[in-house]
Amino acid sequence: HLRTLAEYFGVTPDYFTDEEVSERVRRQMEFAVALANN
């Protein structure tokens, strides 16, 4: 299920389990959301 979620949302499975990875992705998401383009 983690792999499925990761594949769908375009992240690595570590995003859901590793604080450092999730923080890095969170910062990237903030930037990407600001661009408003999937």
PDB file of all heavy atoms in Angstrom:
ATOM      1  N   HIS A   1       0.832  -1.207   0.000  1.00  0.00           N
ATOM      2  CA  HIS A   1       0.000   0.000   0.000  1.00  0.00           C
ATOM      3  C   HIS A   1       0.869   1.260   0.000  1.00  0.00           C
ATOM      4  O   HIS A   1       0.532   2.251  -0.648  1.00  0.00           O
ATOM      5  CB  HIS A   1      -0.967   0.000   1.189  1.00  0.00           C
ATOM      6  CG  HIS A   1      -2.164  -0.853   0.943  1.00  0.00           C
ATOM      7  ND1 HIS A   1      -2.446  -1.962   1.697  1.00  0.00           N
ATOM      8  CD2 HIS A   1      -3.142  -0.760   0.020  1.00  0.00           C
ATOM      9  CE1 HIS A   1      -3.558  -2.512   1.248  1.00  0.00           C
ATOM     10  NE2 HIS A   1      -4.000  -1.814   0.232  1.00  0.00           N
ATOM     11  N   LEU A   2       1.982   1.242   0.732  1.00  0.00           N
ATOM     12  CA  LEU A   2       2.892   2.394   0.711  1.00  0.00           C
ATOM     13  C   LEU A   2       3.437   2.617  -0.692  1.00  0.00           C
ATOM     14  O   LEU A   2       3.501   3.756  -1.168  1.00  0.00           O
ATOM     15  CB  LEU A   2       4.050   2.201   1.687  1.00  0.00           C
ATOM     16  CG  LEU A   2       3.800   2.524   3.139  1.00  0.00           C
ATOM     17  CD1 LEU A   2       5.068   2.315   3.953  1.00  0.00           C
ATOM     18  CD2 LEU A   2       3.284   3.935   3.330  1.00  0.00           C
ATOM     19  N   ARG A   3       3.837   1.525  -1.349  1.00  0.00           N
ATOM     20  CA  ARG A   3       4.352   1.649  -2.715  1.00  0.00           C
ATOM     21  C   ARG A   3       3.268   2.185  -3.653  1.00  0.00           C
ATOM     22  O   ARG A   3       3.549   2.997  -4.533  1.00  0.00           O
ATOM     23  CB  ARG A   3       4.883   0.302  -3.211  1.00  0.00           C
ATOM     24  CG  ARG A   3       6.264  -0.031  -2.655  1.00  0.00           C
ATOM     25  CD  ARG A   3       6.871  -1.231  -3.364  1.00  0.00           C
ATOM     26  NE  ARG A   3       6.098  -2.449  -3.149  1.00  0.00           N
ATOM     27  CZ  ARG A   3       6.318  -3.331  -2.190  1.00  0.00           C
ATOM     28  NH1 ARG A   3       7.294  -3.137  -1.333  1.00  0.00           N
ATOM     29  NH2 ARG A   3       5.566  -4.412  -2.089  1.00  0.00           N
ATOM     30  N   THR A   4       2.043   1.729  -3.464  1.00  0.00           N
ATOM     31  CA  THR A   4       0.936   2.193  -4.307  1.00  0.00           C
ATOM     32  C   THR A   4       0.699   3.686  -4.094  1.00  0.00           C
ATOM     33  O   THR A   4       0.559   4.448  -5.064  1.00  0.00           O
ATOM     34  CB  THR A   4      -0.344   1.389  -4.013  1.00  0.00           C
ATOM     35  OG1 THR A   4      -0.100   0.010  -4.291  1.00  0.00           O
ATOM     36  CG2 THR A   4      -1.511   1.874  -4.838  1.00  0.00           C
ATOM     37  N   LEU A   5       0.637   4.110  -2.836  1.00  0.00           N
ATOM     38  CA  LEU A   5       0.460   5.537  -2.546  1.00  0.00           C
ATOM     39  C   LEU A   5       1.611   6.356  -3.117  1.00  0.00           C
ATOM     40  O   LEU A   5       1.396   7.411  -3.720  1.00  0.00           O
ATOM     41  CB  LEU A   5       0.363   5.771  -1.033  1.00  0.00           C
ATOM     42  CG  LEU A   5      -0.920   5.337  -0.356  1.00  0.00           C
ATOM     43  CD1 LEU A   5      -0.762   5.378   1.165  1.00  0.00           C
ATOM     44  CD2 LEU A   5      -2.088   6.208  -0.803  1.00  0.00           C
ATOM     45  N   ALA A   6       2.831   5.874  -2.919  1.00  0.00           N
ATOM     46  CA  ALA A   6       4.008   6.582  -3.419  1.00  0.00           C
ATOM     47  C   ALA A   6       3.972   6.705  -4.939  1.00  0.00           C
ATOM     48  O   ALA A   6       4.246   7.779  -5.487  1.00  0.00           O
ATOM     49  CB  ALA A   6       5.277   5.862  -2.971  1.00  0.00           C
ATOM     50  N   GLU A   7       3.616   5.623  -5.611  1.00  0.00           N
ATOM     51  CA  GLU A   7       3.534   5.660  -7.076  1.00  0.00           C
ATOM     52  C   GLU A   7       2.482   6.669  -7.530  1.00  0.00           C
ATOM     53  O   GLU A   7       2.725   7.481  -8.416  1.00  0.00           O
ATOM     54  CB  GLU A   7       3.179   4.276  -7.620  1.00  0.00           C
ATOM     55  CG  GLU A   7       3.047   4.224  -9.132  1.00  0.00           C
ATOM     56  CD  GLU A   7       2.640   2.861  -9.644  1.00  0.00           C
ATOM     57  OE1 GLU A   7       2.936   1.847  -8.983  1.00  0.00           O
ATOM     58  OE2 GLU A   7       2.002   2.813 -10.711  1.00  0.00           O
ATOM     59  N   TYR A   8       1.331   6.642  -6.909  1.00  0.00           N
ATOM     60  CA  TYR A   8       0.250   7.543  -7.313  1.00  0.00           C
ATOM     61  C   TYR A   8       0.626   9.011  -7.101  1.00  0.00           C
ATOM     62  O   TYR A   8       0.400   9.846  -7.968  1.00  0.00           O
ATOM     63  CB  TYR A   8      -1.036   7.223  -6.553  1.00  0.00           C
ATOM     64  CG  TYR A   8      -2.157   8.159  -6.920  1.00  0.00           C
ATOM     65  CD1 TYR A   8      -2.772   8.081  -8.162  1.00  0.00           C
ATOM     66  CD2 TYR A   8      -2.572   9.155  -6.045  1.00  0.00           C
ATOM     67  CE1 TYR A   8      -3.783   8.963  -8.522  1.00  0.00           C
ATOM     68  CE2 TYR A   8      -3.585  10.040  -6.398  1.00  0.00           C
ATOM     69  CZ  TYR A   8      -4.186   9.936  -7.642  1.00  0.00           C
ATOM     70  OH  TYR A   8      -5.170  10.815  -7.996  1.00  0.00           O
ATOM     71  N   PHE A   9       1.216   9.309  -5.949  1.00  0.00           N
ATOM     72  CA  PHE A   9       1.529  10.703  -5.631  1.00  0.00           C
ATOM     73  C   PHE A   9       2.902  11.150  -6.149  1.00  0.00           C
ATOM     74  O   PHE A   9       3.272  12.301  -5.987  1.00  0.00           O
ATOM     75  CB  PHE A   9       1.428  10.944  -4.124  1.00  0.00           C
ATOM     76  CG  PHE A   9       0.014  10.929  -3.626  1.00  0.00           C
ATOM     77  CD1 PHE A   9      -0.431   9.904  -2.802  1.00  0.00           C
ATOM     78  CD2 PHE A   9      -0.884  11.914  -3.990  1.00  0.00           C
ATOM     79  CE1 PHE A   9      -1.746   9.880  -2.340  1.00  0.00           C
ATOM     80  CE2 PHE A   9      -2.195  11.894  -3.538  1.00  0.00           C
ATOM     81  CZ  PHE A   9      -2.625  10.872  -2.714  1.00  0.00           C
ATOM     82  N   GLY A  10       3.652  10.228  -6.766  1.00  0.00           N
ATOM     83  CA  GLY A  10       4.928  10.596  -7.369  1.00  0.00           C
ATOM     84  C   GLY A  10       6.041  10.851  -6.381  1.00  0.00           C
ATOM     85  O   GLY A  10       6.889  11.716  -6.615  1.00  0.00           O
ATOM     86  N   VAL A  11       6.052  10.118  -5.277  1.00  0.00           N
ATOM     87  CA  VAL A  11       7.110  10.228  -4.279  1.00  0.00           C
ATOM     88  C   VAL A  11       7.685   8.835  -4.034  1.00  0.00           C
ATOM     89  O   VAL A  11       7.151   7.843  -4.521  1.00  0.00           O
ATOM     90  CB  VAL A  11       6.598  10.825  -2.942  1.00  0.00           C
ATOM     91  CG1 VAL A  11       6.121  12.248  -3.148  1.00  0.00           C
ATOM     92  CG2 VAL A  11       5.502   9.976  -2.329  1.00  0.00           C
ATOM     93  N   THR A  12       8.745   8.763  -3.253  1.00  0.00           N
ATOM     94  CA  THR A  12       9.269   7.457  -2.859  1.00  0.00           C
ATOM     95  C   THR A  12       8.494   6.975  -1.639  1.00  0.00           C
ATOM     96  O   THR A  12       7.963   7.798  -0.873  1.00  0.00           O
ATOM     97  CB  THR A  12      10.766   7.534  -2.502  1.00  0.00           C
ATOM     98  OG1 THR A  12      10.925   8.329  -1.330  1.00  0.00           O
ATOM     99  CG2 THR A  12      11.583   8.111  -3.655  1.00  0.00           C
ATOM    100  N   PRO A  13       8.446   5.663  -1.420  1.00  0.00           N
ATOM    101  CA  PRO A  13       7.763   5.158  -0.220  1.00  0.00           C
ATOM    102  C   PRO A  13       8.346   5.738   1.080  1.00  0.00           C
ATOM    103  O   PRO A  13       7.635   5.877   2.070  1.00  0.00           O
ATOM    104  CB  PRO A  13       7.975   3.642  -0.288  1.00  0.00           C
ATOM    105  CG  PRO A  13       8.118   3.361  -1.749  1.00  0.00           C
ATOM    106  CD  PRO A  13       8.861   4.561  -2.301  1.00  0.00           C
ATOM    107  N   ASP A  14       9.626   6.112   1.052  1.00  0.00           N
ATOM    108  CA  ASP A  14      10.260   6.697   2.239  1.00  0.00           C
ATOM    109  C   ASP A  14       9.591   7.982   2.685  1.00  0.00           C
ATOM    110  O   ASP A  14       9.705   8.378   3.843  1.00  0.00           O
ATOM    111  CB  ASP A  14      11.742   6.986   1.981  1.00  0.00           C
ATOM    112  CG  ASP A  14      12.582   5.742   1.852  1.00  0.00           C
ATOM    113  OD1 ASP A  14      12.109   4.657   2.260  1.00  0.00           O
ATOM    114  OD2 ASP A  14      13.702   5.849   1.337  1.00  0.00           O
ATOM    115  N   TYR A  15       8.901   8.652   1.783  1.00  0.00           N
ATOM    116  CA  TYR A  15       8.189   9.874   2.161  1.00  0.00           C
ATOM    117  C   TYR A  15       7.261   9.610   3.343  1.00  0.00           C
ATOM    118  O   TYR A  15       7.134  10.433   4.238  1.00  0.00           O
ATOM    119  CB  TYR A  15       7.380  10.425   0.979  1.00  0.00           C
ATOM    120  CG  TYR A  15       6.370  11.458   1.420  1.00  0.00           C
ATOM    121  CD1 TYR A  15       6.765  12.759   1.705  1.00  0.00           C
ATOM    122  CD2 TYR A  15       5.032  11.116   1.621  1.00  0.00           C
ATOM    123  CE1 TYR A  15       5.857  13.704   2.146  1.00  0.00           C
ATOM    124  CE2 TYR A  15       4.111  12.061   2.062  1.00  0.00           C
ATOM    125  CZ  TYR A  15       4.533  13.340   2.331  1.00  0.00           C
ATOM    126  OH  TYR A  15       3.627  14.260   2.790  1.00  0.00           O
ATOM    127  N   PHE A  16       6.631   8.451   3.365  1.00  0.00           N
ATOM    128  CA  PHE A  16       5.642   8.134   4.391  1.00  0.00           C
ATOM    129  C   PHE A  16       6.267   7.627   5.689  1.00  0.00           C
ATOM    130  O   PHE A  16       5.596   7.598   6.718  1.00  0.00           O
ATOM    131  CB  PHE A  16       4.646   7.091   3.865  1.00  0.00           C
ATOM    132  CG  PHE A  16       3.821   7.613   2.728  1.00  0.00           C
ATOM    133  CD1 PHE A  16       4.102   7.241   1.427  1.00  0.00           C
ATOM    134  CD2 PHE A  16       2.770   8.493   2.942  1.00  0.00           C
ATOM    135  CE1 PHE A  16       3.351   7.731   0.366  1.00  0.00           C
ATOM    136  CE2 PHE A  16       2.017   8.992   1.893  1.00  0.00           C
ATOM    137  CZ  PHE A  16       2.312   8.607   0.600  1.00  0.00           C
ATOM    138  N   THR A  17       7.544   7.235   5.656  1.00  0.00           N
ATOM    139  CA  THR A  17       8.151   6.607   6.836  1.00  0.00           C
ATOM    140  C   THR A  17       9.376   7.321   7.391  1.00  0.00           C
ATOM    141  O   THR A  17       9.764   7.068   8.520  1.00  0.00           O
ATOM    142  CB  THR A  17       8.553   5.157   6.512  1.00  0.00           C
ATOM    143  OG1 THR A  17       9.508   5.162   5.431  1.00  0.00           O
ATOM    144  CG2 THR A  17       7.350   4.319   6.131  1.00  0.00           C
ATOM    145  N   ASP A  18       9.985   8.193   6.624  1.00  0.00           N
ATOM    146  CA  ASP A  18      11.242   8.823   7.030  1.00  0.00           C
ATOM    147  C   ASP A  18      11.037  10.329   7.188  1.00  0.00           C
ATOM    148  O   ASP A  18      10.672  11.012   6.226  1.00  0.00           O
ATOM    149  CB  ASP A  18      12.307   8.526   5.973  1.00  0.00           C
ATOM    150  CG  ASP A  18      13.669   9.072   6.332  1.00  0.00           C
ATOM    151  OD1 ASP A  18      13.832  10.312   6.381  1.00  0.00           O
ATOM    152  OD2 ASP A  18      14.588   8.258   6.550  1.00  0.00           O
ATOM    153  N   GLU A  19      11.285  10.838   8.366  1.00  0.00           N
ATOM    154  CA  GLU A  19      11.052  12.255   8.672  1.00  0.00           C
ATOM    155  C   GLU A  19      11.866  13.174   7.773  1.00  0.00           C
ATOM    156  O   GLU A  19      11.359  14.187   7.282  1.00  0.00           O
ATOM    157  CB  GLU A  19      11.369  12.531  10.143  1.00  0.00           C
ATOM    158  CG  GLU A  19      11.113  13.965  10.573  1.00  0.00           C
ATOM    159  CD  GLU A  19       9.636  14.348  10.489  1.00  0.00           C
ATOM    160  OE1 GLU A  19       8.769  13.498  10.737  1.00  0.00           O
ATOM    161  OE2 GLU A  19       9.353  15.515  10.154  1.00  0.00           O
ATOM    162  N   GLU A  20      13.126  12.837   7.542  1.00  0.00           N
ATOM    163  CA  GLU A  20      13.979  13.686   6.712  1.00  0.00           C
ATOM    164  C   GLU A  20      13.467  13.733   5.272  1.00  0.00           C
ATOM    165  O   GLU A  20      13.381  14.811   4.668  1.00  0.00           O
ATOM    166  CB  GLU A  20      15.417  13.158   6.732  1.00  0.00           C
ATOM    167  CG  GLU A  20      16.398  14.028   5.985  1.00  0.00           C
ATOM    168  CD  GLU A  20      17.817  13.495   6.085  1.00  0.00           C
ATOM    169  OE1 GLU A  20      18.242  13.139   7.203  1.00  0.00           O
ATOM    170  OE2 GLU A  20      18.487  13.447   5.037  1.00  0.00           O
ATOM    171  N   VAL A  21      13.104  12.589   4.740  1.00  0.00           N
ATOM    172  CA  VAL A  21      12.583  12.540   3.368  1.00  0.00           C
ATOM    173  C   VAL A  21      11.262  13.291   3.288  1.00  0.00           C
ATOM    174  O   VAL A  21      11.041  14.076   2.369  1.00  0.00           O
ATOM    175  CB  VAL A  21      12.405  11.077   2.896  1.00  0.00           C
ATOM    176  CG1 VAL A  21      11.677  11.007   1.555  1.00  0.00           C
ATOM    177  CG2 VAL A  21      13.760  10.383   2.804  1.00  0.00           C
ATOM    178  N   SER A  22      10.375  13.068   4.239  1.00  0.00           N
ATOM    179  CA  SER A  22       9.072  13.732   4.192  1.00  0.00           C
ATOM    180  C   SER A  22       9.218  15.243   4.315  1.00  0.00           C
ATOM    181  O   SER A  22       8.491  15.993   3.653  1.00  0.00           O
ATOM    182  CB  SER A  22       8.113  13.185   5.244  1.00  0.00           C
ATOM    183  OG  SER A  22       8.547  13.487   6.538  1.00  0.00           O
ATOM    184  N   GLU A  23      10.164  15.707   5.107  1.00  0.00           N
ATOM    185  CA  GLU A  23      10.382  17.153   5.235  1.00  0.00           C
ATOM    186  C   GLU A  23      10.914  17.731   3.932  1.00  0.00           C
ATOM    187  O   GLU A  23      10.480  18.795   3.492  1.00  0.00           O
ATOM    188  CB  GLU A  23      11.341  17.450   6.386  1.00  0.00           C
ATOM    189  CG  GLU A  23      11.645  18.922   6.593  1.00  0.00           C
ATOM    190  CD  GLU A  23      10.420  19.801   6.840  1.00  0.00           C
ATOM    191  OE1 GLU A  23       9.381  19.302   7.321  1.00  0.00           O
ATOM    192  OE2 GLU A  23      10.490  21.006   6.540  1.00  0.00           O
ATOM    193  N   ARG A  24      11.850  17.039   3.303  1.00  0.00           N
ATOM    194  CA  ARG A  24      12.386  17.507   2.026  1.00  0.00           C
ATOM    195  C   ARG A  24      11.269  17.554   0.972  1.00  0.00           C
ATOM    196  O   ARG A  24      11.128  18.538   0.254  1.00  0.00           O
ATOM    197  CB  ARG A  24      13.528  16.590   1.564  1.00  0.00           C
ATOM    198  CG  ARG A  24      14.205  17.084   0.299  1.00  0.00           C
ATOM    199  CD  ARG A  24      15.412  16.249  -0.102  1.00  0.00           C
ATOM    200  NE  ARG A  24      14.999  14.907  -0.480  1.00  0.00           N
ATOM    201  CZ  ARG A  24      15.417  13.790   0.099  1.00  0.00           C
ATOM    202  NH1 ARG A  24      16.265  13.841   1.102  1.00  0.00           N
ATOM    203  NH2 ARG A  24      14.993  12.616  -0.306  1.00  0.00           N
ATOM    204  N   VAL A  25      10.451  16.504   0.925  1.00  0.00           N
ATOM    205  CA  VAL A  25       9.348  16.468  -0.043  1.00  0.00           C
ATOM    206  C   VAL A  25       8.318  17.539   0.293  1.00  0.00           C
ATOM    207  O   VAL A  25       7.781  18.189  -0.603  1.00  0.00           O
ATOM    208  CB  VAL A  25       8.715  15.063  -0.098  1.00  0.00           C
ATOM    209  CG1 VAL A  25       7.432  15.065  -0.910  1.00  0.00           C
ATOM    210  CG2 VAL A  25       9.708  14.058  -0.671  1.00  0.00           C
ATOM    211  N   ARG A  26       8.055  17.755   1.580  1.00  0.00           N
ATOM    212  CA  ARG A  26       7.093  18.786   1.981  1.00  0.00           C
ATOM    213  C   ARG A  26       7.527  20.153   1.458  1.00  0.00           C
ATOM    214  O   ARG A  26       6.716  20.918   0.919  1.00  0.00           O
ATOM    215  CB  ARG A  26       6.950  18.830   3.503  1.00  0.00           C
ATOM    216  CG  ARG A  26       5.857  19.812   3.979  1.00  0.00           C
ATOM    217  CD  ARG A  26       5.940  20.089   5.463  1.00  0.00           C
ATOM    218  NE  ARG A  26       7.200  20.710   5.854  1.00  0.00           N
ATOM    219  CZ  ARG A  26       7.542  21.985   5.590  1.00  0.00           C
ATOM    220  NH1 ARG A  26       6.720  22.764   4.931  1.00  0.00           N
ATOM    221  NH2 ARG A  26       8.698  22.473   5.982  1.00  0.00           N
ATOM    222  N   ARG A  27       8.816  20.456   1.582  1.00  0.00           N
ATOM    223  CA  ARG A  27       9.323  21.742   1.062  1.00  0.00           C
ATOM    224  C   ARG A  27       9.171  21.809  -0.457  1.00  0.00           C
ATOM    225  O   ARG A  27       8.776  22.841  -0.997  1.00  0.00           O
ATOM    226  CB  ARG A  27      10.787  21.947   1.460  1.00  0.00           C
ATOM    227  CG  ARG A  27      10.971  22.290   2.924  1.00  0.00           C
ATOM    228  CD  ARG A  27      12.384  22.738   3.245  1.00  0.00           C
ATOM    229  NE  ARG A  27      13.401  21.830   2.754  1.00  0.00           N
ATOM    230  CZ  ARG A  27      13.946  20.830   3.471  1.00  0.00           C
ATOM    231  NH1 ARG A  27      13.559  20.621   4.716  1.00  0.00           N
ATOM    232  NH2 ARG A  27      14.863  20.059   2.937  1.00  0.00           N
ATOM    233  N   GLN A  28       9.432  20.696  -1.122  1.00  0.00           N
ATOM    234  CA  GLN A  28       9.263  20.654  -2.573  1.00  0.00           C
ATOM    235  C   GLN A  28       7.797  20.827  -2.950  1.00  0.00           C
ATOM    236  O   GLN A  28       7.482  21.507  -3.927  1.00  0.00           O
ATOM    237  CB  GLN A  28       9.783  19.333  -3.140  1.00  0.00           C
ATOM    238  CG  GLN A  28      11.273  19.184  -3.032  1.00  0.00           C
ATOM    239  CD  GLN A  28      11.730  17.773  -3.357  1.00  0.00           C
ATOM    240  OE1 GLN A  28      10.925  16.838  -3.370  1.00  0.00           O
ATOM    241  NE2 GLN A  28      13.009  17.608  -3.596  1.00  0.00           N
ATOM    242  N   MET A  29       6.920  20.201  -2.174  1.00  0.00           N
ATOM    243  CA  MET A  29       5.489  20.321  -2.463  1.00  0.00           C
ATOM    244  C   MET A  29       5.016  21.751  -2.310  1.00  0.00           C
ATOM    245  O   MET A  29       4.216  22.239  -3.108  1.00  0.00           O
ATOM    246  CB  MET A  29       4.659  19.402  -1.553  1.00  0.00           C
ATOM    247  CG  MET A  29       4.728  17.956  -1.934  1.00  0.00           C
ATOM    248  SD  MET A  29       3.596  16.911  -1.003  1.00  0.00           S
ATOM    249  CE  MET A  29       4.093  17.151   0.683  1.00  0.00           C
ATOM    250  N   GLU A  30       5.495  22.442  -1.294  1.00  0.00           N
ATOM    251  CA  GLU A  30       5.104  23.840  -1.112  1.00  0.00           C
ATOM    252  C   GLU A  30       5.481  24.662  -2.339  1.00  0.00           C
ATOM    253  O   GLU A  30       4.690  25.469  -2.815  1.00  0.00           O
ATOM    254  CB  GLU A  30       5.770  24.422   0.136  1.00  0.00           C
ATOM    255  CG  GLU A  30       5.172  23.926   1.422  1.00  0.00           C
ATOM    256  CD  GLU A  30       5.894  24.466   2.643  1.00  0.00           C
ATOM    257  OE1 GLU A  30       6.939  25.138   2.501  1.00  0.00           O
ATOM    258  OE2 GLU A  30       5.418  24.198   3.751  1.00  0.00           O
ATOM    259  N   PHE A  31       6.663  24.430  -2.838  1.00  0.00           N
ATOM    260  CA  PHE A  31       7.100  25.144  -4.030  1.00  0.00           C
ATOM    261  C   PHE A  31       6.263  24.741  -5.239  1.00  0.00           C
ATOM    262  O   PHE A  31       5.774  25.586  -5.987  1.00  0.00           O
ATOM    263  CB  PHE A  31       8.579  24.862  -4.287  1.00  0.00           C
ATOM    264  CG  PHE A  31       9.087  25.460  -5.562  1.00  0.00           C
ATOM    265  CD1 PHE A  31       9.247  26.827  -5.687  1.00  0.00           C
ATOM    266  CD2 PHE A  31       9.392  24.653  -6.643  1.00  0.00           C
ATOM    267  CE1 PHE A  31       9.702  27.381  -6.862  1.00  0.00           C
ATOM    268  CE2 PHE A  31       9.848  25.201  -7.828  1.00  0.00           C
ATOM    269  CZ  PHE A  31      10.007  26.567  -7.940  1.00  0.00           C
ATOM    270  N   ALA A  32       6.075  23.447  -5.416  1.00  0.00           N
ATOM    271  CA  ALA A  32       5.328  22.952  -6.572  1.00  0.00           C
ATOM    272  C   ALA A  32       3.867  23.393  -6.538  1.00  0.00           C
ATOM    273  O   ALA A  32       3.303  23.752  -7.572  1.00  0.00           O
ATOM    274  CB  ALA A  32       5.424  21.436  -6.649  1.00  0.00           C
ATOM    275  N   VAL A  33       3.273  23.382  -5.356  1.00  0.00           N
ATOM    276  CA  VAL A  33       1.877  23.821  -5.245  1.00  0.00           C
ATOM    277  C   VAL A  33       1.768  25.281  -5.626  1.00  0.00           C
ATOM    278  O   VAL A  33       0.807  25.687  -6.282  1.00  0.00           O
ATOM    279  CB  VAL A  33       1.327  23.557  -3.822  1.00  0.00           C
ATOM    280  CG1 VAL A  33       0.019  24.283  -3.590  1.00  0.00           C
ATOM    281  CG2 VAL A  33       1.145  22.061  -3.610  1.00  0.00           C
ATOM    282  N   ALA A  34       2.766  26.050  -5.253  1.00  0.00           N
ATOM    283  CA  ALA A  34       2.745  27.469  -5.619  1.00  0.00           C
ATOM    284  C   ALA A  34       2.737  27.631  -7.139  1.00  0.00           C
ATOM    285  O   ALA A  34       2.167  28.569  -7.658  1.00  0.00           O
ATOM    286  CB  ALA A  34       3.938  28.187  -5.008  1.00  0.00           C
ATOM    287  N   LEU A  35       3.316  26.692  -7.829  1.00  0.00           N
ATOM    288  CA  LEU A  35       3.324  26.747  -9.291  1.00  0.00           C
ATOM    289  C   LEU A  35       1.989  26.297  -9.883  1.00  0.00           C
ATOM    290  O   LEU A  35       1.704  26.571 -11.043  1.00  0.00           O
ATOM    291  CB  LEU A  35       4.456  25.876  -9.846  1.00  0.00           C
ATOM    292  CG  LEU A  35       5.864  26.304  -9.453  1.00  0.00           C
ATOM    293  CD1 LEU A  35       6.884  25.316  -9.977  1.00  0.00           C
ATOM    294  CD2 LEU A  35       6.163  27.703  -9.960  1.00  0.00           C
ATOM    295  N   ALA A  36       1.172  25.601  -9.082  1.00  0.00           N
ATOM    296  CA  ALA A  36      -0.188  25.205  -9.462  1.00  0.00           C
ATOM    297  C   ALA A  36      -0.260  24.430 -10.770  1.00  0.00           C
ATOM    298  O   ALA A  36      -1.125  24.669 -11.596  1.00  0.00           O
ATOM    299  CB  ALA A  36      -1.108  26.424  -9.508  1.00  0.00           C
ATOM    300  N   ASN A  37       0.654  23.491 -10.949  1.00  0.00           N
ATOM    301  CA  ASN A  37       0.629  22.687 -12.163  1.00  0.00           C
ATOM    302  C   ASN A  37       1.009  21.254 -11.818  1.00  0.00           C
ATOM    303  O   ASN A  37       2.110  21.013 -11.337  1.00  0.00           O
ATOM    304  CB  ASN A  37       1.597  23.268 -13.194  1.00  0.00           C
ATOM    305  CG  ASN A  37       1.559  22.518 -14.502  1.00  0.00           C
ATOM    306  OD1 ASN A  37       1.858  21.339 -14.545  1.00  0.00           O
ATOM    307  ND2 ASN A  37       1.215  23.220 -15.556  1.00  0.00           N
ATOM    308  N   ASN A  38       0.105  20.323 -12.092  1.00  0.00           N
ATOM    309  CA  ASN A  38       0.318  18.918 -11.752  1.00  0.00           C
ATOM    310  C   ASN A  38       1.567  18.357 -12.419  1.00  0.00           C
ATOM    311  O   ASN A  38       2.337  17.627 -11.795  1.00  0.00           O
ATOM    312  CB  ASN A  38      -0.912  18.093 -12.153  1.00  0.00           C
ATOM    313  CG  ASN A  38      -0.818  16.665 -11.711  1.00  0.00           C
ATOM    314  OD1 ASN A  38      -0.276  16.370 -10.654  1.00  0.00           O
ATOM    315  ND2 ASN A  38      -1.347  15.764 -12.512  1.00  0.00           N
TER     316      ASN A  38
END
